[in-house]
C-alpha cells in the first residue's frame, strides 16, 4: 500500500470511529480558561479556581497585587466572593498560549461597575501570567454603542 493511501485510510478509520486528532494548544487552553472563568466569576469560588488553574509562582502585572497564587487569592477572594458582587462574562478569546476574558464587573447590583479585560498567559494547563485593563462605565456616553 502506498504511503498516501495509508494516510487516507487512517483518516477514514478515525472518521468512522469518531476519533479526533489531539487537541490544539488553543483548544486545551480554551477548556482551562472557560472552567477557570466559571469557577472564579460565576460561582465565585476564588480559591478553588486559583488552586486548580493558576501556577503557584504566577506573574501578576496589576500593580496593586503581588506576584504568586497565594497573594492573588488573598487580594481577590474578599472582593470576588462577596455576595453582592456581580460578574457577567461577555466573551472569552483564546489564541495559543494567550486568553482574554472580557466581563462586566460590579461591586453591587446598584453600581454601574466597569468593563474589564483580564488577559492571561497559560503554560502546561495553568495560568502563569496576568494583565488587566479596567474601564469604569460612565453615567453618559458620547455615542450610542454599548460597552459590551
N, C-alpha and C. Protein backbone atom coordinates (compact mmCIF):
# COMPACT_ATOMS: atom_id res chain seq x y z
N UNK A 1 0.85 -1.17 0.00
CA UNK A 1 0.00 0.00 0.00
C UNK A 1 0.90 1.23 0.00
N UNK A 2 0.57 2.19 -0.82
CA UNK A 2 1.36 3.42 -0.90
C UNK A 2 1.16 4.25 0.36
N UNK A 3 2.17 5.05 0.71
CA UNK A 3 2.11 5.87 1.93
C UNK A 3 0.88 6.77 1.94
N UNK A 4 0.56 7.43 0.85
CA UNK A 4 -0.61 8.31 0.77
C UNK A 4 -1.89 7.56 1.04
N UNK A 5 -1.99 6.35 0.51
CA UNK A 5 -3.19 5.55 0.73
C UNK A 5 -3.34 5.18 2.19
N UNK A 6 -2.21 4.89 2.84
CA UNK A 6 -2.24 4.54 4.26
C UNK A 6 -2.71 5.74 5.08
N UNK A 7 -2.23 6.93 4.75
CA UNK A 7 -2.63 8.15 5.47
C UNK A 7 -4.12 8.39 5.29
N UNK A 8 -4.59 8.26 4.04
CA UNK A 8 -6.03 8.46 3.79
C UNK A 8 -6.84 7.41 4.53
N UNK A 9 -6.37 6.17 4.52
CA UNK A 9 -7.10 5.11 5.20
C UNK A 9 -7.15 5.38 6.69
N UNK A 10 -6.03 5.86 7.26
CA UNK A 10 -6.01 6.17 8.69
C UNK A 10 -7.03 7.25 9.02
N UNK A 11 -7.10 8.27 8.18
CA UNK A 11 -8.09 9.34 8.39
C UNK A 11 -9.50 8.81 8.28
N UNK A 12 -9.74 7.90 7.33
CA UNK A 12 -11.06 7.32 7.16
C UNK A 12 -11.45 6.49 8.39
N UNK A 13 -10.51 5.73 8.90
CA UNK A 13 -10.78 4.92 10.10
C UNK A 13 -11.12 5.83 11.27
N UNK A 14 -10.32 6.91 11.46
CA UNK A 14 -10.62 7.87 12.54
C UNK A 14 -12.02 8.44 12.38
N UNK A 15 -12.38 8.80 11.15
CA UNK A 15 -13.70 9.38 10.89
C UNK A 15 -14.79 8.38 11.22
N UNK A 16 -14.61 7.12 10.82
CA UNK A 16 -15.62 6.10 11.08
C UNK A 16 -15.76 5.82 12.57
N UNK A 17 -14.66 5.83 13.28
CA UNK A 17 -14.70 5.52 14.71
C UNK A 17 -14.97 6.75 15.57
N UNK A 18 -15.01 7.90 14.95
CA UNK A 18 -15.28 9.13 15.70
C UNK A 18 -14.07 9.63 16.47
N UNK A 19 -12.89 9.11 16.18
CA UNK A 19 -11.69 9.54 16.88
C UNK A 19 -11.29 10.93 16.40
N UNK A 20 -10.81 11.72 17.32
CA UNK A 20 -10.35 13.08 16.99
C UNK A 20 -8.84 13.13 17.04
N UNK A 21 -8.29 14.01 16.24
CA UNK A 21 -6.85 14.25 16.41
C UNK A 21 -6.64 14.93 17.76
N UNK A 22 -5.42 14.96 18.26
CA UNK A 22 -5.16 15.62 19.55
C UNK A 22 -5.61 17.07 19.53
N UNK A 23 -6.04 17.57 20.69
CA UNK A 23 -6.47 18.95 20.80
C UNK A 23 -5.30 19.90 20.53
N UNK A 24 -5.60 21.04 19.94
CA UNK A 24 -4.59 22.06 19.73
C UNK A 24 -4.34 22.79 21.05
N UNK A 25 -3.26 23.55 21.09
CA UNK A 25 -2.97 24.36 22.28
C UNK A 25 -4.13 25.31 22.58
N UNK A 26 -4.69 25.92 21.54
CA UNK A 26 -5.82 26.83 21.73
C UNK A 26 -7.02 26.10 22.31
N UNK A 27 -7.33 24.92 21.81
CA UNK A 27 -8.46 24.15 22.33
C UNK A 27 -8.25 23.75 23.79
N UNK A 28 -7.05 23.29 24.12
CA UNK A 28 -6.75 22.92 25.51
C UNK A 28 -6.88 24.13 26.43
N UNK A 29 -6.31 25.26 26.01
CA UNK A 29 -6.36 26.46 26.84
C UNK A 29 -7.77 27.04 26.93
N UNK A 30 -8.57 26.88 25.87
CA UNK A 30 -9.97 27.34 25.94
C UNK A 30 -10.73 26.55 27.02
N UNK A 31 -10.49 25.26 27.10
CA UNK A 31 -11.15 24.45 28.13
C UNK A 31 -10.72 24.90 29.53
N UNK A 32 -9.43 25.14 29.71
CA UNK A 32 -8.91 25.59 31.01
C UNK A 32 -9.50 26.93 31.39
N UNK A 33 -9.42 27.91 30.50
CA UNK A 33 -9.84 29.27 30.86
C UNK A 33 -11.35 29.37 31.00
N UNK A 34 -12.10 28.56 30.27
CA UNK A 34 -13.56 28.56 30.39
C UNK A 34 -13.97 28.04 31.76
N UNK A 35 -13.34 26.96 32.21
CA UNK A 35 -13.68 26.44 33.54
C UNK A 35 -13.17 27.37 34.64
N UNK A 36 -11.99 27.97 34.43
CA UNK A 36 -11.48 28.96 35.39
C UNK A 36 -12.48 30.11 35.52
N UNK A 37 -12.99 30.62 34.41
CA UNK A 37 -13.97 31.72 34.43
C UNK A 37 -15.24 31.31 35.16
N UNK A 38 -15.70 30.10 34.91
CA UNK A 38 -16.92 29.61 35.59
C UNK A 38 -16.72 29.60 37.10
N UNK A 39 -15.62 29.02 37.54
CA UNK A 39 -15.35 28.94 38.98
C UNK A 39 -15.13 30.33 39.60
N UNK A 40 -14.32 31.15 38.95
CA UNK A 40 -13.91 32.45 39.50
C UNK A 40 -15.02 33.48 39.46
N UNK A 41 -15.60 33.71 38.29
CA UNK A 41 -16.58 34.80 38.14
C UNK A 41 -18.01 34.37 38.40
N UNK A 42 -18.40 33.20 37.92
CA UNK A 42 -19.80 32.79 38.06
C UNK A 42 -20.09 32.18 39.42
N UNK A 43 -19.28 31.22 39.82
CA UNK A 43 -19.52 30.55 41.10
C UNK A 43 -18.83 31.23 42.27
N UNK A 44 -17.96 32.19 41.96
CA UNK A 44 -17.23 32.97 42.98
C UNK A 44 -16.40 32.09 43.91
N UNK A 45 -15.89 30.99 43.38
CA UNK A 45 -15.03 30.09 44.13
C UNK A 45 -13.58 30.44 43.81
N UNK A 46 -13.15 31.57 44.34
CA UNK A 46 -11.83 32.13 44.02
C UNK A 46 -10.71 31.14 44.35
N UNK A 47 -10.69 30.65 45.55
CA UNK A 47 -9.61 29.75 45.98
C UNK A 47 -9.58 28.48 45.11
N UNK A 48 -10.71 27.89 44.86
CA UNK A 48 -10.77 26.68 44.03
C UNK A 48 -10.26 26.97 42.62
N UNK A 49 -10.71 28.08 42.03
CA UNK A 49 -10.28 28.44 40.67
C UNK A 49 -8.77 28.62 40.61
N UNK A 50 -8.22 29.33 41.59
CA UNK A 50 -6.78 29.61 41.57
C UNK A 50 -5.96 28.38 41.92
N UNK A 51 -6.38 27.59 42.88
CA UNK A 51 -5.62 26.39 43.22
C UNK A 51 -5.64 25.36 42.09
N UNK A 52 -6.73 25.31 41.33
CA UNK A 52 -6.84 24.34 40.25
C UNK A 52 -6.12 24.81 38.98
N UNK A 53 -6.21 26.10 38.67
CA UNK A 53 -5.77 26.56 37.35
C UNK A 53 -4.65 27.59 37.31
N UNK A 54 -4.14 28.04 38.43
CA UNK A 54 -3.11 29.07 38.44
C UNK A 54 -1.82 28.51 39.05
N UNK A 55 -0.71 28.74 38.37
CA UNK A 55 0.59 28.28 38.86
C UNK A 55 0.94 29.02 40.15
N UNK A 56 1.59 28.32 41.07
CA UNK A 56 1.94 28.91 42.37
C UNK A 56 2.79 30.16 42.23
N UNK A 57 3.64 30.20 41.22
CA UNK A 57 4.57 31.33 41.05
C UNK A 57 4.14 32.28 39.92
N UNK A 58 2.85 32.37 39.68
CA UNK A 58 2.42 33.16 38.53
C UNK A 58 2.76 34.63 38.66
N UNK A 59 2.96 35.25 37.51
CA UNK A 59 3.38 36.64 37.42
C UNK A 59 2.16 37.54 37.29
N UNK A 60 2.10 38.55 38.15
CA UNK A 60 0.95 39.46 38.21
C UNK A 60 1.40 40.85 37.75
N UNK A 61 0.77 41.38 36.71
CA UNK A 61 1.12 42.70 36.20
C UNK A 61 0.26 43.82 36.78
N UNK A 62 -0.79 43.49 37.53
CA UNK A 62 -1.58 44.52 38.20
C UNK A 62 -0.71 45.07 39.34
N UNK A 63 -0.42 46.38 39.34
CA UNK A 63 0.49 46.93 40.35
C UNK A 63 -0.04 46.88 41.78
N UNK A 64 -1.32 46.60 41.95
CA UNK A 64 -1.90 46.54 43.29
C UNK A 64 -1.87 45.16 43.93
N UNK A 65 -1.35 44.16 43.22
CA UNK A 65 -1.33 42.78 43.72
C UNK A 65 0.07 42.21 43.53
N UNK A 66 0.58 41.53 44.54
CA UNK A 66 1.91 40.92 44.45
C UNK A 66 1.87 39.68 43.55
N UNK A 67 3.04 39.25 43.11
CA UNK A 67 3.16 38.02 42.33
C UNK A 67 2.76 36.82 43.19
N UNK A 68 2.36 35.75 42.49
CA UNK A 68 2.08 34.48 43.15
C UNK A 68 0.61 34.21 43.37
N UNK A 69 0.28 32.92 43.34
CA UNK A 69 -1.10 32.47 43.53
C UNK A 69 -1.63 32.84 44.90
N UNK A 70 -0.85 32.64 45.94
CA UNK A 70 -1.32 32.93 47.31
C UNK A 70 -1.65 34.41 47.48
N UNK A 71 -0.81 35.29 46.92
CA UNK A 71 -1.06 36.73 47.01
C UNK A 71 -2.34 37.10 46.26
N UNK A 72 -2.57 36.47 45.11
CA UNK A 72 -3.79 36.75 44.34
C UNK A 72 -5.03 36.30 45.10
N UNK A 73 -4.98 35.13 45.69
CA UNK A 73 -6.13 34.65 46.47
C UNK A 73 -6.41 35.61 47.62
N UNK A 74 -5.37 36.01 48.34
CA UNK A 74 -5.54 36.92 49.48
C UNK A 74 -6.14 38.25 49.05
N UNK A 75 -5.72 38.77 47.90
CA UNK A 75 -6.22 40.07 47.43
C UNK A 75 -7.60 39.98 46.81
N UNK A 76 -7.88 38.90 46.09
CA UNK A 76 -9.11 38.82 45.30
C UNK A 76 -10.28 38.14 45.98
N UNK A 77 -10.00 37.21 46.88
CA UNK A 77 -11.09 36.43 47.49
C UNK A 77 -12.12 37.30 48.21
N UNK A 78 -11.72 38.29 49.00
CA UNK A 78 -12.75 39.11 49.68
C UNK A 78 -13.67 39.84 48.71
N UNK A 79 -13.10 40.38 47.64
CA UNK A 79 -13.89 41.16 46.68
C UNK A 79 -14.72 40.27 45.76
N UNK A 80 -14.11 39.23 45.22
CA UNK A 80 -14.77 38.42 44.21
C UNK A 80 -15.75 37.40 44.78
N UNK A 81 -15.63 37.07 46.05
CA UNK A 81 -16.59 36.12 46.61
C UNK A 81 -17.68 36.81 47.41
N UNK A 82 -17.69 38.12 47.40
CA UNK A 82 -18.73 38.89 48.08
C UNK A 82 -20.11 38.56 47.50
N UNK A 83 -21.10 38.32 48.35
CA UNK A 83 -22.45 38.01 47.83
C UNK A 83 -23.04 39.14 46.98
N UNK A 84 -22.64 40.39 47.23
CA UNK A 84 -23.21 41.50 46.47
C UNK A 84 -22.52 41.72 45.12
N UNK A 85 -21.32 41.20 44.94
CA UNK A 85 -20.57 41.41 43.70
C UNK A 85 -21.24 40.68 42.53
N UNK A 86 -21.17 41.31 41.36
CA UNK A 86 -21.77 40.76 40.15
C UNK A 86 -20.73 40.74 39.04
N UNK A 87 -20.61 39.60 38.37
CA UNK A 87 -19.67 39.45 37.26
C UNK A 87 -20.39 38.77 36.11
N UNK A 88 -20.40 39.43 34.97
CA UNK A 88 -21.05 38.87 33.77
C UNK A 88 -19.98 38.74 32.68
N UNK A 89 -19.59 37.51 32.43
CA UNK A 89 -18.60 37.25 31.37
C UNK A 89 -19.29 37.48 30.04
N UNK A 90 -18.71 38.35 29.23
CA UNK A 90 -19.29 38.70 27.93
C UNK A 90 -18.65 37.91 26.79
N UNK A 91 -17.35 37.66 26.88
CA UNK A 91 -16.69 36.88 25.85
C UNK A 91 -15.36 36.34 26.37
N UNK A 92 -14.98 35.22 25.82
CA UNK A 92 -13.68 34.61 26.11
C UNK A 92 -12.99 34.40 24.78
N UNK A 93 -11.79 34.95 24.65
CA UNK A 93 -11.00 34.80 23.43
C UNK A 93 -9.73 34.03 23.79
N UNK A 94 -9.38 33.06 22.96
CA UNK A 94 -8.18 32.26 23.22
C UNK A 94 -7.41 32.10 21.91
N UNK A 95 -6.12 32.33 21.97
CA UNK A 95 -5.25 32.14 20.83
C UNK A 95 -3.92 31.58 21.33
N UNK A 96 -3.71 30.30 21.13
CA UNK A 96 -2.48 29.67 21.59
C UNK A 96 -2.34 29.77 23.09
N UNK A 97 -1.23 30.37 23.56
CA UNK A 97 -0.98 30.44 25.00
C UNK A 97 -1.66 31.63 25.67
N UNK A 98 -2.34 32.48 24.90
CA UNK A 98 -2.99 33.67 25.48
C UNK A 98 -4.50 33.53 25.50
N UNK A 99 -5.10 34.09 26.55
CA UNK A 99 -6.56 34.10 26.68
C UNK A 99 -6.97 35.44 27.25
N UNK A 100 -8.18 35.88 26.87
CA UNK A 100 -8.73 37.10 27.42
C UNK A 100 -10.18 36.85 27.81
N UNK A 101 -10.52 37.32 29.00
CA UNK A 101 -11.91 37.28 29.46
C UNK A 101 -12.38 38.73 29.56
N UNK A 102 -13.41 39.06 28.78
CA UNK A 102 -14.00 40.40 28.79
C UNK A 102 -15.27 40.30 29.62
N UNK A 103 -15.38 41.13 30.65
CA UNK A 103 -16.53 41.00 31.54
C UNK A 103 -17.01 42.34 32.07
N UNK A 104 -18.24 42.31 32.57
CA UNK A 104 -18.83 43.45 33.27
C UNK A 104 -18.76 43.12 34.75
N UNK A 105 -18.01 43.92 35.49
CA UNK A 105 -17.83 43.69 36.93
C UNK A 105 -18.50 44.81 37.70
N UNK A 106 -19.25 44.43 38.72
CA UNK A 106 -19.91 45.41 39.58
C UNK A 106 -19.76 44.99 41.04
N UNK A 107 -19.39 45.93 41.92
CA UNK A 107 -19.25 45.58 43.33
C UNK A 107 -20.59 45.25 43.98
N UNK A 108 -21.68 45.80 43.40
CA UNK A 108 -23.04 45.50 43.88
C UNK A 108 -24.02 45.77 42.75
N UNK A 109 -25.25 45.36 42.94
CA UNK A 109 -26.26 45.45 41.89
C UNK A 109 -26.59 46.88 41.49
N UNK A 110 -26.44 47.83 42.38
CA UNK A 110 -26.77 49.22 42.09
C UNK A 110 -25.67 49.95 41.31
N UNK A 111 -24.47 49.47 41.34
CA UNK A 111 -23.33 50.12 40.71
C UNK A 111 -23.32 49.87 39.20
N UNK A 112 -22.87 50.89 38.44
CA UNK A 112 -22.67 50.70 37.00
C UNK A 112 -21.47 49.78 36.78
N UNK A 113 -20.49 49.83 37.67
CA UNK A 113 -19.33 48.96 37.59
C UNK A 113 -18.39 49.35 36.48
N UNK A 114 -17.72 48.35 35.91
CA UNK A 114 -16.74 48.63 34.89
C UNK A 114 -16.58 47.49 33.90
N UNK A 115 -16.00 47.84 32.77
CA UNK A 115 -15.62 46.85 31.78
C UNK A 115 -14.21 46.39 32.13
N UNK A 116 -14.00 45.10 32.13
CA UNK A 116 -12.71 44.53 32.50
C UNK A 116 -12.26 43.59 31.38
N UNK A 117 -11.00 43.69 31.04
CA UNK A 117 -10.37 42.72 30.15
C UNK A 117 -9.23 42.09 30.94
N UNK A 118 -9.43 40.84 31.35
CA UNK A 118 -8.38 40.08 32.03
C UNK A 118 -7.65 39.28 30.96
N UNK A 119 -6.36 39.48 30.88
CA UNK A 119 -5.54 38.81 29.88
C UNK A 119 -4.62 37.83 30.61
N UNK A 120 -4.60 36.60 30.12
CA UNK A 120 -3.83 35.55 30.77
C UNK A 120 -2.88 34.90 29.77
N UNK A 121 -1.73 34.45 30.28
CA UNK A 121 -0.84 33.57 29.52
C UNK A 121 -0.85 32.23 30.24
N UNK A 122 -1.03 31.17 29.48
CA UNK A 122 -1.09 29.83 30.04
C UNK A 122 0.10 29.00 29.56
N UNK A 123 0.50 28.08 30.40
CA UNK A 123 1.57 27.14 30.05
C UNK A 123 1.31 25.84 30.81
N UNK A 124 1.28 24.74 30.09
CA UNK A 124 1.08 23.44 30.74
C UNK A 124 -0.25 23.32 31.47
N UNK A 125 -1.29 23.97 30.95
CA UNK A 125 -2.61 23.87 31.56
C UNK A 125 -2.83 24.77 32.76
N UNK A 126 -1.90 25.69 33.01
CA UNK A 126 -2.01 26.61 34.15
C UNK A 126 -1.84 28.05 33.70
N UNK A 127 -2.53 28.96 34.38
CA UNK A 127 -2.31 30.38 34.17
C UNK A 127 -0.97 30.71 34.82
N UNK A 128 -0.08 31.32 34.04
CA UNK A 128 1.25 31.65 34.57
C UNK A 128 1.51 33.15 34.60
N UNK A 129 0.62 33.94 33.96
CA UNK A 129 0.82 35.38 33.91
C UNK A 129 -0.52 36.06 33.69
N UNK A 130 -0.67 37.27 34.26
CA UNK A 130 -1.94 38.00 34.18
C UNK A 130 -1.73 39.50 34.03
N UNK A 131 -2.52 40.10 33.15
CA UNK A 131 -2.62 41.55 32.99
C UNK A 131 -4.11 41.89 33.07
N UNK A 132 -4.45 43.11 33.46
CA UNK A 132 -5.85 43.51 33.37
C UNK A 132 -5.97 44.96 32.93
N UNK A 133 -7.09 45.24 32.28
CA UNK A 133 -7.42 46.57 31.82
C UNK A 133 -8.82 46.86 32.35
N UNK A 134 -8.96 47.99 33.06
CA UNK A 134 -10.22 48.33 33.72
C UNK A 134 -10.73 49.66 33.17
N UNK A 135 -12.03 49.72 32.87
CA UNK A 135 -12.64 50.94 32.35
C UNK A 135 -13.97 51.16 33.05
N UNK A 136 -14.06 52.19 33.90
CA UNK A 136 -15.33 52.47 34.57
C UNK A 136 -16.43 52.78 33.55
N UNK A 137 -17.64 52.36 33.85
CA UNK A 137 -18.77 52.65 32.97
C UNK A 137 -19.32 54.02 33.35
N UNK A 138 -19.30 54.97 32.41
CA UNK A 138 -19.74 56.33 32.73
C UNK A 138 -21.26 56.44 32.79
N UNK A 139 -21.73 57.50 33.44
CA UNK A 139 -23.18 57.75 33.51
C UNK A 139 -23.71 58.12 32.13
N UNK A 140 -22.90 58.82 31.34
CA UNK A 140 -23.31 59.23 30.00
C UNK A 140 -22.22 58.88 29.00
N UNK A 141 -22.66 58.61 27.77
CA UNK A 141 -21.72 58.27 26.70
C UNK A 141 -21.91 59.24 25.53
N UNK A 142 -20.84 59.55 24.85
CA UNK A 142 -20.92 60.43 23.69
C UNK A 142 -21.36 59.69 22.43
N UNK A 143 -21.55 58.39 22.53
CA UNK A 143 -22.03 57.60 21.39
C UNK A 143 -23.06 56.59 21.86
N UNK A 144 -23.83 56.02 20.95
CA UNK A 144 -24.90 55.09 21.35
C UNK A 144 -24.48 53.64 21.51
N UNK A 145 -23.17 53.36 21.42
CA UNK A 145 -22.70 51.97 21.42
C UNK A 145 -22.51 51.45 22.83
N UNK A 146 -23.00 50.23 23.09
CA UNK A 146 -22.78 49.65 24.42
C UNK A 146 -21.32 49.27 24.61
N UNK A 147 -20.91 49.17 25.85
CA UNK A 147 -19.52 48.80 26.14
C UNK A 147 -19.28 47.29 26.01
N UNK A 148 -20.36 46.54 25.85
CA UNK A 148 -20.20 45.08 25.74
C UNK A 148 -20.88 44.55 24.50
